PDB file of N, CA and C in Angstrom:
ATOM      1  N   MET A   1      59.764  80.027  66.029  1.00  0.00           N
ATOM      2  CA  MET A   1      60.734  81.072  65.053  1.00  0.00           C
ATOM      3  C   MET A   1      61.536  81.173  65.162  1.00  0.00           C
ATOM      4  N   ALA A   2      62.445  80.946  63.726  1.00  0.00           N
ATOM      5  CA  ALA A   2      64.156  81.418  64.508  1.00  0.00           C
ATOM      6  C   ALA A   2      64.058  82.185  64.537  1.00  0.00           C
ATOM      7  N   LEU A   3      66.065  81.901  65.291  1.00  0.00           N
ATOM      8  CA  LEU A   3      66.667  82.218  65.255  1.00  0.00           C
ATOM      9  C   LEU A   3      67.649  82.466  64.758  1.00  0.00           C
ATOM     10  N   PHE A   4      68.079  82.074  62.753  1.00  0.00           N
ATOM     11  CA  PHE A   4      68.761  82.575  62.202  1.00  0.00           C
ATOM     12  C   PHE A   4      67.703  82.309  61.056  1.00  0.00           C
ATOM     13  N   LYS A   5      68.284  83.776  60.773  1.00  0.00           N
ATOM     14  CA  LYS A   5      66.797  83.297  59.089  1.00  0.00           C
ATOM     15  C   LYS A   5      68.478  82.913  58.120  1.00  0.00           C
ATOM     16  N   LYS A   6      68.010  81.678  56.822  1.00  0.00           N
ATOM     17  CA  LYS A   6      68.632  81.762  55.967  1.00  0.00           C
ATOM     18  C   LYS A   6      69.161  82.439  54.916  1.00  0.00           C
ATOM     19  N   ARG A   7      69.230  82.952  54.069  1.00  0.00           N
ATOM     20  CA  ARG A   7      70.446  84.128  53.468  1.00  0.00           C
ATOM     21  C   ARG A   7      69.892  83.242  52.259  1.00  0.00           C
ATOM     22  N   THR A   8      69.148  83.445  51.628  1.00  0.00           N
ATOM     23  CA  THR A   8      68.368  82.231  49.581  1.00  0.00           C
ATOM     24  C   THR A   8      69.250  83.159  48.814  1.00  0.00           C
ATOM     25  N   VAL A   9      69.201  84.190  48.749  1.00  0.00           N
ATOM     26  CA  VAL A   9      70.075  84.652  48.138  1.00  0.00           C
ATOM     27  C   VAL A   9      70.814  85.861  48.097  1.00  0.00           C
ATOM     28  N   GLY A  10      72.153  85.842  47.421  1.00  0.00           N
ATOM     29  CA  GLY A  10      73.249  86.971  47.462  1.00  0.00           C
ATOM     30  C   GLY A  10      73.519  87.957  47.231  1.00  0.00           C
ATOM     31  N   LYS A  11      74.268  88.525  48.287  1.00  0.00           N
ATOM     32  CA  LYS A  11      74.789  90.405  47.439  1.00  0.00           C
ATOM     33  C   LYS A  11      75.347  90.472  46.703  1.00  0.00           C
ATOM     34  N   PRO A  12      74.270  91.453  46.035  1.00  0.00           N
ATOM     35  CA  PRO A  12      76.093  91.712  44.649  1.00  0.00           C
ATOM     36  C   PRO A  12      77.312  92.174  45.018  1.00  0.00           C
ATOM     37  N   GLY A  13      78.223  91.873  44.361  1.00  0.00           N
ATOM     38  CA  GLY A  13      79.517  92.295  44.499  1.00  0.00           C
ATOM     39  C   GLY A  13      80.314  91.102  45.499  1.00  0.00           C
ATOM     40  N   GLU A  14      79.510  90.110  45.926  1.00  0.00           N
ATOM     41  CA  GLU A  14      79.875  88.967  47.120  1.00  0.00           C
ATOM     42  C   GLU A  14      80.458  87.623  45.491  1.00  0.00           C
ATOM     43  N   TRP A  15      81.560  87.253  45.868  1.00  0.00           N
ATOM     44  CA  TRP A  15      82.162  86.959  44.893  1.00  0.00           C
ATOM     45  C   TRP A  15      82.288  85.021  45.776  1.00  0.00           C
ATOM     46  N   TYR A  16      82.071  84.209  45.529  1.00  0.00           N
ATOM     47  CA  TYR A  16      82.893  82.688  46.521  1.00  0.00           C
ATOM     48  C   TYR A  16      83.006  81.424  44.324  1.00  0.00           C
ATOM     49  N   TYR A  17      83.642  80.859  45.330  1.00  0.00           N
ATOM     50  CA  TYR A  17      84.541  80.030  44.276  1.00  0.00           C
ATOM     51  C   TYR A  17      83.353  78.456  44.669  1.00  0.00           C
ATOM     52  N   CYS A  18      82.901  77.692  44.416  1.00  0.00           N
ATOM     53  CA  CYS A  18      82.520  77.099  45.039  1.00  0.00           C
ATOM     54  C   CYS A  18      83.192  75.418  44.224  1.00  0.00           C
ATOM     55  N   LEU A  19      83.561  74.583  45.521  1.00  0.00           N
ATOM     56  CA  LEU A  19      84.631  74.157  45.803  1.00  0.00           C
ATOM     57  C   LEU A  19      84.007  72.720  44.919  1.00  0.00           C
ATOM     58  N   GLU A  20      82.754  72.589  44.592  1.00  0.00           N
ATOM     59  CA  GLU A  20      82.023  70.995  43.960  1.00  0.00           C
ATOM     60  C   GLU A  20      81.733  71.160  42.893  1.00  0.00           C
ATOM     61  N   HIS A  21      81.057  72.537  42.610  1.00  0.00           N
ATOM     62  CA  HIS A  21      81.190  72.628  40.968  1.00  0.00           C
ATOM     63  C   HIS A  21      82.545  73.390  40.124  1.00  0.00           C
ATOM     64  N   LYS A  22      83.643  73.404  40.926  1.00  0.00           N
ATOM     65  CA  LYS A  22      84.330  74.193  40.546  1.00  0.00           C
ATOM     66  C   LYS A  22      84.467  75.454  39.271  1.00  0.00           C
ATOM     67  N   LYS A  23      83.377  76.167  40.072  1.00  0.00           N
ATOM     68  CA  LYS A  23      82.906  77.416  39.256  1.00  0.00           C
ATOM     69  C   LYS A  23      83.326  78.888  40.183  1.00  0.00           C
ATOM     70  N   VAL A  24      83.167  80.287  40.011  1.00  0.00           N
ATOM     71  CA  VAL A  24      83.117  80.627  40.127  1.00  0.00           C
ATOM     72  C   VAL A  24      81.580  81.497  40.646  1.00  0.00           C
ATOM     73  N   GLU A  25      81.038  81.833  41.386  1.00  0.00           N
ATOM     74  CA  GLU A  25      79.246  82.016  41.950  1.00  0.00           C
ATOM     75  C   GLU A  25      79.257  83.311  42.255  1.00  0.00           C
ATOM     76  N   GLU A  26      77.960  84.610  41.537  1.00  0.00           N
ATOM     77  CA  GLU A  26      78.284  85.706  42.650  1.00  0.00           C
ATOM     78  C   GLU A  26      77.021  85.392  43.462  1.00  0.00           C
ATOM     79  N   GLY A  27      77.534  85.576  45.339  1.00  0.00           N
ATOM     80  CA  GLY A  27      76.183  85.275  45.643  1.00  0.00           C
ATOM     81  C   GLY A  27      76.217  84.350  46.463  1.00  0.00           C
ATOM     82  N   PRO A  28      75.861  83.908  47.502  1.00  0.00           N
ATOM     83  CA  PRO A  28      76.607  82.067  48.057  1.00  0.00           C
ATOM     84  C   PRO A  28      74.957  81.524  47.201  1.00  0.00           C
ATOM     85  N   ASP A  29      75.330  80.674  46.663  1.00  0.00           N
ATOM     86  CA  ASP A  29      74.511  79.492  45.601  1.00  0.00           C
ATOM     87  C   ASP A  29      74.577  79.013  46.154  1.00  0.00           C
ATOM     88  N   CYS A  30      76.101  77.447  46.792  1.00  0.00           N
ATOM     89  CA  CYS A  30      76.193  76.091  47.167  1.00  0.00           C
ATOM     90  C   CYS A  30      75.845  76.588  48.742  1.00  0.00           C
ATOM     91  N   PRO A  31      76.188  75.878  49.207  1.00  0.00           N
ATOM     92  CA  PRO A  31      76.028  75.901  50.600  1.00  0.00           C
ATOM     93  C   PRO A  31      77.793  75.978  51.708  1.00  0.00           C
ATOM     94  N   GLY A  32      77.630  76.798  51.679  1.00  0.00           N
ATOM     95  CA  GLY A  32      78.578  77.092  53.176  1.00  0.00           C
ATOM     96  C   GLY A  32      80.303  76.150  52.767  1.00  0.00           C
ATOM     97  N   LYS A  33      79.689  75.196  53.243  1.00  0.00           N
ATOM     98  CA  LYS A  33      80.710  73.340  53.154  1.00  0.00           C
ATOM     99  C   LYS A  33      81.303  73.407  52.136  1.00  0.00           C
ATOM    100  N   ASP A  34      80.953  73.857  50.837  1.00  0.00           N
ATOM    101  CA  ASP A  34      81.113  73.806  49.297  1.00  0.00           C
ATOM    102  C   ASP A  34      82.483  75.610  48.712  1.00  0.00           C
ATOM    103  N   ARG A  35      82.346  76.206  49.801  1.00  0.00           N
ATOM    104  CA  ARG A  35      82.519  77.055  49.144  1.00  0.00           C
ATOM    105  C   ARG A  35      84.228  78.020  50.167  1.00  0.00           C
ATOM    106  N   PHE A  36      84.474  78.458  48.787  1.00  0.00           N
ATOM    107  CA  PHE A  36      85.793  79.914  49.569  1.00  0.00           C
ATOM    108  C   PHE A  36      85.397  80.562  49.027  1.00  0.00           C
ATOM    109  N   GLY A  37      85.032  82.035  50.410  1.00  0.00           N
ATOM    110  CA  GLY A  37      84.749  83.448  49.703  1.00  0.00           C
ATOM    111  C   GLY A  37      84.073  83.854  50.833  1.00  0.00           C
ATOM    112  N   PRO A  38      83.698  84.995  50.985  1.00  0.00           N
ATOM    113  CA  PRO A  38      83.846  85.853  49.755  1.00  0.00           C
ATOM    114  C   PRO A  38      84.395  86.748  49.092  1.00  0.00           C
ATOM    115  N   TYR A  39      85.177  86.451  47.954  1.00  0.00           N
ATOM    116  CA  TYR A  39      85.681  87.551  47.561  1.00  0.00           C
ATOM    117  C   TYR A  39      85.369  88.713  47.338  1.00  0.00           C
ATOM    118  N   ALA A  40      86.464  89.930  46.928  1.00  0.00           N
ATOM    119  CA  ALA A  40      85.544  91.384  46.784  1.00  0.00           C
ATOM    120  C   ALA A  40      85.425  91.446  44.514  1.00  0.00           C
ATOM    121  N   SER A  41      86.322  90.729  43.920  1.00  0.00           N
ATOM    122  CA  SER A  41      85.767  90.423  42.280  1.00  0.00           C
ATOM    123  C   SER A  41      86.076  88.977  41.984  1.00  0.00           C
ATOM    124  N   ARG A  42      85.621  89.834  40.944  1.00  0.00           N
ATOM    125  CA  ARG A  42      85.388  87.368  39.644  1.00  0.00           C
ATOM    126  C   ARG A  42      86.731  86.931  40.121  1.00  0.00           C
ATOM    127  N   GLN A  43      87.718  88.513  39.859  1.00  0.00           N
ATOM    128  CA  GLN A  43      89.213  87.560  39.568  1.00  0.00           C
ATOM    129  C   GLN A  43      89.932  86.807  40.673  1.00  0.00           C
ATOM    130  N   GLU A  44      89.583  87.815  42.151  1.00  0.00           N
ATOM    131  CA  GLU A  44      89.846  87.092  43.036  1.00  0.00           C
ATOM    132  C   GLU A  44      88.874  85.668  43.360  1.00  0.00           C
ATOM    133  N   ALA A  45      88.387  85.760  42.770  1.00  0.00           N
ATOM    134  CA  ALA A  45      87.499  84.279  43.109  1.00  0.00           C
ATOM    135  C   ALA A  45      87.992  83.398  42.730  1.00  0.00           C
ATOM    136  N   GLN A  46      88.463  83.876  41.323  1.00  0.00           N
ATOM    137  CA  GLN A  46      88.967  82.496  40.277  1.00  0.00           C
ATOM    138  C   GLN A  46      89.791  82.032  40.602  1.00  0.00           C
ATOM    139  N   ARG A  47      91.126  82.943  41.187  1.00  0.00           N
ATOM    140  CA  ARG A  47      92.294  82.301  41.954  1.00  0.00           C
ATOM    141  C   ARG A  47      92.250  81.737  43.283  1.00  0.00           C
ATOM    142  N   ALA A  48      90.691  81.616  44.083  1.00  0.00           N
ATOM    143  CA  ALA A  48      90.536  80.637  45.332  1.00  0.00           C
ATOM    144  C   ALA A  48      91.409  79.431  45.033  1.00  0.00           C
ATOM    145  N   MET A  49      91.312  78.280  44.466  1.00  0.00           N
ATOM    146  CA  MET A  49      92.060  77.350  44.931  1.00  0.00           C
ATOM    147  C   MET A  49      93.752  77.776  44.694  1.00  0.00           C
ATOM    148  N   ASP A  50      94.006  79.160  44.228  1.00  0.00           N
ATOM    149  CA  ASP A  50      95.654  79.419  43.834  1.00  0.00           C
ATOM    150  C   ASP A  50      96.336  80.411  45.449  1.00  0.00           C
ATOM    151  N   ILE A  51      95.161  81.032  46.150  1.00  0.00           N
ATOM    152  CA  ILE A  51      95.233  81.733  47.240  1.00  0.00           C
ATOM    153  C   ILE A  51      95.684  81.350  48.845  1.00  0.00           C
ATOM    154  N   ALA A  52      94.608  79.428  48.026  1.00  0.00           N
ATOM    155  CA  ALA A  52      94.302  78.585  49.422  1.00  0.00           C
ATOM    156  C   ALA A  52      95.837  78.048  49.381  1.00  0.00           C
ATOM    157  N   ARG A  53      96.528  77.682  48.406  1.00  0.00           N
ATOM    158  CA  ARG A  53      97.431  77.006  48.176  1.00  0.00           C
ATOM    159  C   ARG A  53      98.790  77.660  48.636  1.00  0.00           C
ATOM    160  N   GLU A  54      98.990  79.011  48.652  1.00  0.00           N
ATOM    161  CA  GLU A  54      99.612  79.809  48.504  1.00  0.00           C
ATOM    162  C   GLU A  54      99.133  80.031  50.359  1.00  0.00           C
ATOM    163  N   ARG A  55      98.173  80.174  50.802  1.00  0.00           N
ATOM    164  CA  ARG A  55      98.514  79.918  52.432  1.00  0.00           C
ATOM    165  C   ARG A  55      98.891  79.141  52.910  1.00  0.00           C
ATOM    166  N   ASN A  56      98.224  78.326  52.529  1.00  0.00           N
ATOM    167  CA  ASN A  56      98.860  76.152  52.516  1.00  0.00           C
ATOM    168  C   ASN A  56     100.234  76.874  52.965  1.00  0.00           C
ATOM    169  N   LEU A  57     100.594  77.229  52.174  1.00  0.00           N
ATOM    170  CA  LEU A  57     103.065  76.986  52.169  1.00  0.00           C
ATOM    171  C   LEU A  57     103.008  77.736  53.113  1.00  0.00           C
ATOM    172  N   GLU A  58     102.338  78.665  53.275  1.00  0.00           N
ATOM    173  CA  GLU A  58     103.055  79.862  54.040  1.00  0.00           C
ATOM    174  C   GLU A  58     102.224  79.178  55.547  1.00  0.00           C
ATOM    175  N   TRP A  59     101.371  78.606  55.835  1.00  0.00           N
ATOM    176  CA  TRP A  59     101.262  77.924  57.247  1.00  0.00           C
ATOM    177  C   TRP A  59     103.139  76.978  57.004  1.00  0.00           C
ATOM    178  N   GLU A  60     102.750  76.254  56.017  1.00  0.00           N
ATOM    179  CA  GLU A  60     103.375  75.245  56.595  1.00  0.00           C
ATOM    180  C   GLU A  60     105.045  75.522  56.827  1.00  0.00           C
ATOM    181  N   THR A  61     105.587  76.381  55.815  1.00  0.00           N
ATOM    182  CA  THR A  61     106.689  77.378  56.247  1.00  0.00           C
ATOM    183  C   THR A  61     107.424  78.302  57.264  1.00  0.00           C
ATOM    184  N   ASP A  62     105.768  78.308  58.036  1.00  0.00           N
ATOM    185  CA  ASP A  62     105.950  79.248  58.746  1.00  0.00           C
ATOM    186  C   ASP A  62     106.515  79.183  60.178  1.00  0.00           C
ATOM    187  N   PRO A  63     107.897  79.535  60.384  1.00  0.00           N
ATOM    188  CA  PRO A  63     108.836  78.930  62.018  1.00  0.00           C
ATOM    189  C   PRO A  63     108.397  79.070  63.267  1.00  0.00           C
ATOM    190  N   ARG A  64     107.203  79.905  63.098  1.00  0.00           N
ATOM    191  CA  ARG A  64     106.723  80.055  64.443  1.00  0.00           C
ATOM    192  C   ARG A  64     105.636  78.757  64.743  1.00  0.00           C
ATOM    193  N   TRP A  65     105.358  77.691  63.664  1.00  0.00           N
ATOM    194  CA  TRP A  65     104.061  76.840  64.095  1.00  0.00           C
ATOM    195  C   TRP A  65     105.317  75.355  63.612  1.00  0.00           C
ATOM    196  N   HIS A  66     107.120  75.605  63.324  1.00  0.00           N
ATOM    197  CA  HIS A  66     107.337  74.644  62.872  1.00  0.00           C
ATOM    198  C   HIS A  66     108.780  74.881  63.100  1.00  0.00           C
ATOM    199  N   ASP A  67     109.191  74.404  64.304  1.00  0.00           N
ATOM    200  CA  ASP A  67     110.381  74.029  64.813  1.00  0.00           C
ATOM    201  C   ASP A  67     111.420  72.976  64.411  1.00  0.00           C
ATOM    202  N   GLY A  68     111.203  72.384  63.642  1.00  0.00           N
ATOM    203  CA  GLY A  68     111.827  71.469  62.572  1.00  0.00           C
ATOM    204  C   GLY A  68     113.128  70.491  63.613  1.00  0.00           C
ATOM    205  N   SER A  69     111.043  70.606  64.822  1.00  0.00           N
ATOM    206  CA  SER A  69     111.706  69.267  65.629  1.00  0.00           C
ATOM    207  C   SER A  69     111.202  68.101  64.822  1.00  0.00           C
ATOM    208  N   GLY A  70     110.605  68.175  63.731  1.00  0.00           N
ATOM    209  CA  GLY A  70     109.446  66.750  62.895  1.00  0.00           C
ATOM    210  C   GLY A  70     107.964  66.902  64.305  1.00  0.00           C
ATOM    211  N   THR A  71     107.838  67.438  65.290  1.00  0.00           N
ATOM    212  CA  THR A  71     106.769  66.797  65.789  1.00  0.00           C
ATOM    213  C   THR A  71     105.867  68.518  65.945  1.00  0.00           C
ATOM    214  N   GLU A  72     104.482  67.523  65.869  1.00  0.00           N
ATOM    215  CA  GLU A  72     103.330  68.858  65.716  1.00  0.00           C
ATOM    216  C   GLU A  72     103.358  70.240  67.017  1.00  0.00           C
ATOM    217  N   PRO A  73     102.647  71.169  66.470  1.00  0.00           N
ATOM    218  CA  PRO A  73     102.507  72.452  67.474  1.00  0.00           C
ATOM    219  C   PRO A  73     102.036  71.719  68.116  1.00  0.00           C
ATOM    220  N   GLY A  74     102.221  72.297  69.421  1.00  0.00           N
ATOM    221  CA  GLY A  74     101.224  71.804  70.450  1.00  0.00           C
ATOM    222  C   GLY A  74     101.469  72.985  72.156  1.00  0.00           C
ATOM    223  N   PRO A  75     101.155  71.884  73.431  1.00  0.00           N
ATOM    224  CA  PRO A  75     101.659  73.089  74.406  1.00  0.00           C
ATOM    225  C   PRO A  75     103.372  72.103  74.665  1.00  0.00           C
ATOM    226  N   LYS A  76     104.154  72.714  75.421  1.00  0.00           N
ATOM    227  CA  LYS A  76     105.483  72.759  75.776  1.00  0.00           C
ATOM    228  C   LYS A  76     105.530  72.087  76.882  1.00  0.00           C
ATOM    229  N   ASP A  77     106.339  70.790  76.340  1.00  0.00           N
ATOM    230  CA  ASP A  77     107.169  70.192  77.232  1.00  0.00           C
ATOM    231  C   ASP A  77     107.719  70.412  78.682  1.00  0.00           C
ATOM    232  N   ASP A  78     107.439  70.206  80.194  1.00  0.00           N
ATOM    233  CA  ASP A  78     108.552  70.870  81.149  1.00  0.00           C
ATOM    234  C   ASP A  78     108.812  70.211  81.649  1.00  0.00           C
TER     235      ASP A  78
END
């Protein structure tokens, strides 16, 4: 008996962006490793790559993570 059942059918209204096929899908048709989502609408899923770029830029410029010292975030030296 399996502990986790693999969901083979998507829920209506769940939208994903497939990174392999470069298209929007309703429901999880492709494996999780190949998709972004779920998104609330088809339009939002169509913007998946733009959203990812915006989030990456926010992280890269966030002063809480980058103090300008040129080092990666991590534990502080004492």
